[in-house]
N, C-alpha and C. Protein backbone atom coordinates (compact mmCIF):
# COMPACT_ATOMS: atom_id res chain seq x y z
N UNK A 1 36.77 54.04 -74.36
CA UNK A 1 36.18 55.15 -75.09
C UNK A 1 35.41 54.65 -76.32
N UNK A 2 35.89 53.57 -76.89
CA UNK A 2 35.25 53.01 -78.08
C UNK A 2 33.84 52.52 -77.76
N UNK A 3 33.67 51.91 -76.61
CA UNK A 3 32.34 51.40 -76.23
C UNK A 3 31.38 52.55 -76.00
N UNK A 4 31.86 53.62 -75.38
CA UNK A 4 31.03 54.78 -75.11
C UNK A 4 30.53 55.41 -76.42
N UNK A 5 31.39 55.52 -77.40
CA UNK A 5 30.99 56.08 -78.69
C UNK A 5 29.97 55.18 -79.38
N UNK A 6 30.17 53.88 -79.30
CA UNK A 6 29.21 52.94 -79.90
C UNK A 6 27.85 53.05 -79.22
N UNK A 7 27.86 53.17 -77.90
CA UNK A 7 26.61 53.30 -77.15
C UNK A 7 25.89 54.59 -77.52
N UNK A 8 26.63 55.68 -77.62
CA UNK A 8 26.02 56.96 -78.01
C UNK A 8 25.41 56.86 -79.40
N UNK A 9 26.11 56.20 -80.31
CA UNK A 9 25.61 56.05 -81.68
C UNK A 9 24.35 55.19 -81.68
N UNK A 10 24.33 54.15 -80.88
CA UNK A 10 23.16 53.27 -80.79
C UNK A 10 21.96 54.02 -80.20
N UNK A 11 22.21 54.83 -79.18
CA UNK A 11 21.11 55.58 -78.56
C UNK A 11 20.56 56.66 -79.49
N UNK A 12 21.40 57.20 -80.35
CA UNK A 12 20.94 58.21 -81.31
C UNK A 12 20.04 57.61 -82.37
N UNK A 13 20.10 56.29 -82.55
CA UNK A 13 19.26 55.64 -83.56
C UNK A 13 17.79 55.55 -83.13
N UNK A 14 17.53 55.70 -81.84
CA UNK A 14 16.15 55.62 -81.34
C UNK A 14 15.43 56.91 -81.76
N UNK A 15 14.32 56.78 -82.46
CA UNK A 15 13.63 57.98 -82.96
C UNK A 15 12.94 58.77 -81.85
N UNK A 16 12.66 60.05 -82.14
CA UNK A 16 11.88 60.89 -81.24
C UNK A 16 12.70 61.72 -80.28
N UNK A 17 13.99 61.91 -80.55
CA UNK A 17 14.85 62.63 -79.60
C UNK A 17 14.40 64.08 -79.44
N UNK A 18 14.05 64.74 -80.52
CA UNK A 18 13.69 66.15 -80.43
C UNK A 18 12.33 66.35 -79.74
N UNK A 19 11.39 65.50 -80.04
CA UNK A 19 10.04 65.67 -79.50
C UNK A 19 9.91 65.14 -78.06
N UNK A 20 10.44 63.93 -77.79
CA UNK A 20 10.22 63.29 -76.50
C UNK A 20 11.42 63.35 -75.57
N UNK A 21 12.59 63.62 -76.08
CA UNK A 21 13.79 63.69 -75.25
C UNK A 21 14.10 62.33 -74.64
N UNK A 22 14.40 62.35 -73.35
CA UNK A 22 14.75 61.11 -72.65
C UNK A 22 13.58 60.13 -72.60
N UNK A 23 12.35 60.64 -72.63
CA UNK A 23 11.17 59.79 -72.50
C UNK A 23 10.92 58.91 -73.72
N UNK A 24 11.70 59.06 -74.76
CA UNK A 24 11.53 58.20 -75.94
C UNK A 24 11.89 56.76 -75.64
N UNK A 25 12.59 56.52 -74.54
CA UNK A 25 12.95 55.15 -74.15
C UNK A 25 11.87 54.48 -73.32
N UNK A 26 10.84 55.21 -72.93
CA UNK A 26 9.78 54.67 -72.07
C UNK A 26 9.12 53.40 -72.62
N UNK A 27 8.81 53.31 -73.92
CA UNK A 27 8.20 52.06 -74.42
C UNK A 27 9.09 50.84 -74.22
N UNK A 28 10.41 51.01 -74.31
CA UNK A 28 11.31 49.87 -74.09
C UNK A 28 11.20 49.37 -72.66
N UNK A 29 11.15 50.30 -71.71
CA UNK A 29 11.04 49.89 -70.31
C UNK A 29 9.67 49.27 -70.01
N UNK A 30 8.63 49.77 -70.68
CA UNK A 30 7.30 49.20 -70.51
C UNK A 30 7.28 47.74 -70.98
N UNK A 31 7.86 47.49 -72.15
CA UNK A 31 7.91 46.13 -72.69
C UNK A 31 8.79 45.25 -71.81
N UNK A 32 9.90 45.78 -71.34
CA UNK A 32 10.79 45.01 -70.46
C UNK A 32 10.06 44.62 -69.16
N UNK A 33 9.30 45.55 -68.58
CA UNK A 33 8.55 45.25 -67.37
C UNK A 33 7.48 44.19 -67.61
N UNK A 34 6.79 44.28 -68.74
CA UNK A 34 5.78 43.28 -69.08
C UNK A 34 6.39 41.91 -69.28
N UNK A 35 7.54 41.87 -69.94
CA UNK A 35 8.22 40.59 -70.16
C UNK A 35 8.69 39.99 -68.84
N UNK A 36 9.17 40.83 -67.95
CA UNK A 36 9.63 40.33 -66.66
C UNK A 36 8.44 39.79 -65.84
N UNK A 37 7.32 40.48 -65.89
CA UNK A 37 6.12 40.03 -65.19
C UNK A 37 5.64 38.68 -65.75
N UNK A 38 5.60 38.56 -67.07
CA UNK A 38 5.20 37.30 -67.70
C UNK A 38 6.14 36.18 -67.27
N UNK A 39 7.43 36.45 -67.25
CA UNK A 39 8.43 35.46 -66.86
C UNK A 39 8.17 34.99 -65.42
N UNK A 40 7.90 35.95 -64.52
CA UNK A 40 7.69 35.61 -63.12
C UNK A 40 6.43 34.80 -62.91
N UNK A 41 5.43 35.00 -63.73
CA UNK A 41 4.16 34.28 -63.59
C UNK A 41 4.23 32.89 -64.23
N UNK A 42 4.82 32.78 -65.40
CA UNK A 42 4.69 31.57 -66.20
C UNK A 42 5.87 30.62 -66.19
N UNK A 43 7.06 31.09 -65.91
CA UNK A 43 8.25 30.24 -66.02
C UNK A 43 8.53 29.59 -64.68
N UNK A 44 8.60 28.28 -64.72
CA UNK A 44 8.88 27.53 -63.50
C UNK A 44 10.37 27.23 -63.41
N UNK A 45 10.94 27.52 -62.27
CA UNK A 45 12.32 27.16 -61.98
C UNK A 45 12.24 26.09 -60.91
N UNK A 46 12.62 24.90 -61.25
CA UNK A 46 12.36 23.78 -60.37
C UNK A 46 10.89 23.44 -60.48
N UNK A 47 10.18 23.48 -59.37
CA UNK A 47 8.75 23.18 -59.38
C UNK A 47 7.90 24.40 -59.09
N UNK A 48 8.53 25.57 -58.90
CA UNK A 48 7.77 26.74 -58.46
C UNK A 48 8.04 27.96 -59.33
N UNK A 49 7.03 28.83 -59.38
CA UNK A 49 7.21 30.14 -59.99
C UNK A 49 7.47 31.13 -58.87
N UNK A 50 7.79 32.35 -59.24
CA UNK A 50 8.03 33.39 -58.24
C UNK A 50 6.79 33.61 -57.38
N UNK A 51 5.62 33.62 -57.99
CA UNK A 51 4.40 33.89 -57.24
C UNK A 51 4.02 32.74 -56.32
N UNK A 52 4.36 31.50 -56.68
CA UNK A 52 4.13 30.38 -55.76
C UNK A 52 4.93 30.60 -54.48
N UNK A 53 6.17 30.98 -54.62
CA UNK A 53 7.03 31.22 -53.45
C UNK A 53 6.50 32.40 -52.65
N UNK A 54 6.08 33.46 -53.32
CA UNK A 54 5.56 34.64 -52.64
C UNK A 54 4.32 34.30 -51.82
N UNK A 55 3.38 33.57 -52.43
CA UNK A 55 2.15 33.21 -51.71
C UNK A 55 2.45 32.30 -50.52
N UNK A 56 3.37 31.35 -50.68
CA UNK A 56 3.71 30.46 -49.58
C UNK A 56 4.34 31.23 -48.43
N UNK A 57 5.27 32.12 -48.74
CA UNK A 57 5.92 32.92 -47.68
C UNK A 57 4.91 33.81 -46.98
N UNK A 58 3.99 34.38 -47.75
CA UNK A 58 2.98 35.25 -47.15
C UNK A 58 2.08 34.46 -46.21
N UNK A 59 1.67 33.27 -46.60
CA UNK A 59 0.81 32.47 -45.73
C UNK A 59 1.59 31.99 -44.50
N UNK A 60 2.89 31.71 -44.65
CA UNK A 60 3.70 31.34 -43.48
C UNK A 60 3.79 32.50 -42.49
N UNK A 61 3.97 33.71 -42.99
CA UNK A 61 4.03 34.89 -42.11
C UNK A 61 2.70 35.10 -41.38
N UNK A 62 1.59 34.92 -42.09
CA UNK A 62 0.28 35.06 -41.46
C UNK A 62 0.07 34.01 -40.39
N UNK A 63 0.49 32.78 -40.66
CA UNK A 63 0.36 31.71 -39.67
C UNK A 63 1.19 32.00 -38.43
N UNK A 64 2.43 32.47 -38.64
CA UNK A 64 3.29 32.80 -37.50
C UNK A 64 2.70 33.96 -36.70
N UNK A 65 2.12 34.94 -37.37
CA UNK A 65 1.52 36.07 -36.66
C UNK A 65 0.32 35.60 -35.83
N UNK A 66 -0.49 34.69 -36.38
CA UNK A 66 -1.64 34.19 -35.64
C UNK A 66 -1.21 33.36 -34.43
N UNK A 67 -0.18 32.53 -34.60
CA UNK A 67 0.27 31.71 -33.47
C UNK A 67 0.90 32.56 -32.39
N UNK A 68 1.64 33.61 -32.75
CA UNK A 68 2.22 34.51 -31.74
C UNK A 68 1.12 35.29 -31.04
N UNK A 69 0.09 35.68 -31.75
CA UNK A 69 -1.01 36.44 -31.16
C UNK A 69 -1.80 35.55 -30.20
N UNK A 70 -1.93 34.28 -30.53
CA UNK A 70 -2.69 33.36 -29.71
C UNK A 70 -1.97 32.97 -28.43
N UNK A 71 -0.65 33.08 -28.41
CA UNK A 71 0.10 32.67 -27.23
C UNK A 71 0.14 33.74 -26.17
């Protein structure tokens, strides 16, 4: 119960409750999404970023589709 009260108190500190209601949290989610996108593009884990893996998998799927179509 103590954590719930602390969370409620923390959420009440965010301004704009009367005017925007629940949507007052929208800027936080926008910034979080931008940060996650930047992380996926720029941060390398091992030797690859998320988009390197995505592009490679996509090209592998296209190659497999072409070879199956050709057979």
